[in-house]
Amino acid sequence: MLFAVQKVRELYSRADEKSAILVLEPKDDTEARQIVESLPLAQLGMLSFDIYGTKPCRGFVANL
């Protein structure tokens, strides 16, 4: 469902442990937290998560 409403952009499994990385498309950290808290495993208390903001890498932009 979250893919359908374009809130989850990418989903990865980590190679070094049993966990996942979700790349989200929220407008801010509050919306990111709401998206993750809406997941069924989070609602059951079986999911922990960290949220990290990102920004474009200036190194690539400067070299264009």
Protein backbone atom coordinates (compact mmCIF):
# COMPACT_ATOMS: atom_id res chain seq x y z
CA MET A 1 0.00 0.00 0.00
CA LEU A 2 2.77 2.48 0.86
CA PHE A 3 4.38 1.87 -2.54
CA ALA A 4 1.03 2.61 -4.18
CA VAL A 5 0.75 6.02 -2.51
CA GLN A 6 4.43 6.74 -3.28
CA LYS A 7 5.59 7.02 0.34
CA VAL A 8 8.15 4.18 0.17
CA ARG A 9 10.68 4.82 -2.56
CA GLU A 10 13.04 1.87 -2.02
CA LEU A 11 13.36 -1.16 0.27
CA TYR A 12 16.59 -3.04 1.00
CA SER A 13 17.63 -6.00 3.15
CA ARG A 14 20.90 -5.47 5.00
CA ALA A 15 23.60 -8.02 4.16
CA ASP A 16 25.25 -7.90 7.60
CA GLU A 17 22.22 -8.52 9.81
CA LYS A 18 18.50 -9.28 9.81
CA SER A 19 17.08 -5.85 9.21
CA ALA A 20 15.81 -3.64 6.43
CA ILE A 21 16.30 -0.13 5.12
CA LEU A 22 13.33 1.81 3.80
CA VAL A 23 13.90 4.93 1.72
CA LEU A 24 10.82 7.09 2.21
CA GLU A 25 9.34 10.13 0.44
CA PRO A 26 7.97 12.15 3.39
CA LYS A 27 7.60 15.91 3.56
CA ASP A 28 9.33 15.95 6.98
CA ASP A 29 10.53 13.77 9.88
CA THR A 30 7.07 13.76 11.45
CA GLU A 31 5.52 12.23 8.35
CA ALA A 32 8.38 9.71 8.13
CA ARG A 33 7.66 8.59 11.69
CA GLN A 34 3.92 8.32 10.92
CA ILE A 35 4.64 6.18 7.85
CA VAL A 36 6.82 3.73 9.79
CA GLU A 37 4.46 3.65 12.78
CA SER A 38 1.62 2.66 10.40
CA LEU A 39 3.38 -0.58 9.45
CA PRO A 40 1.70 -3.69 10.93
CA LEU A 41 4.83 -4.91 12.76
CA ALA A 42 5.29 -1.47 14.32
CA GLN A 43 1.67 -1.46 15.49
CA LEU A 44 2.27 -4.84 17.15
CA GLY A 45 5.39 -3.53 18.90
CA MET A 46 7.63 -5.90 16.93
CA LEU A 47 9.55 -3.26 14.97
CA SER A 48 12.09 -0.70 16.05
CA PHE A 49 13.38 1.99 13.74
CA ASP A 50 15.64 5.02 13.39
CA ILE A 51 14.94 7.96 11.11
CA TYR A 52 17.75 9.85 9.39
CA GLY A 53 17.25 12.92 7.22
CA THR A 54 19.22 13.23 4.00
CA LYS A 55 20.22 15.90 1.53
CA PRO A 56 21.82 15.84 -1.92
CA CYS A 57 25.53 15.14 -2.09
CA ARG A 58 27.16 18.41 -3.09
CA GLY A 59 30.19 16.64 -4.54
CA PHE A 60 28.19 15.26 -7.44
CA VAL A 61 26.36 18.51 -8.12
CA ALA A 62 29.56 20.59 -8.11
CA ASN A 63 31.17 18.31 -10.72
CA LEU A 64 28.35 18.57 -13.28
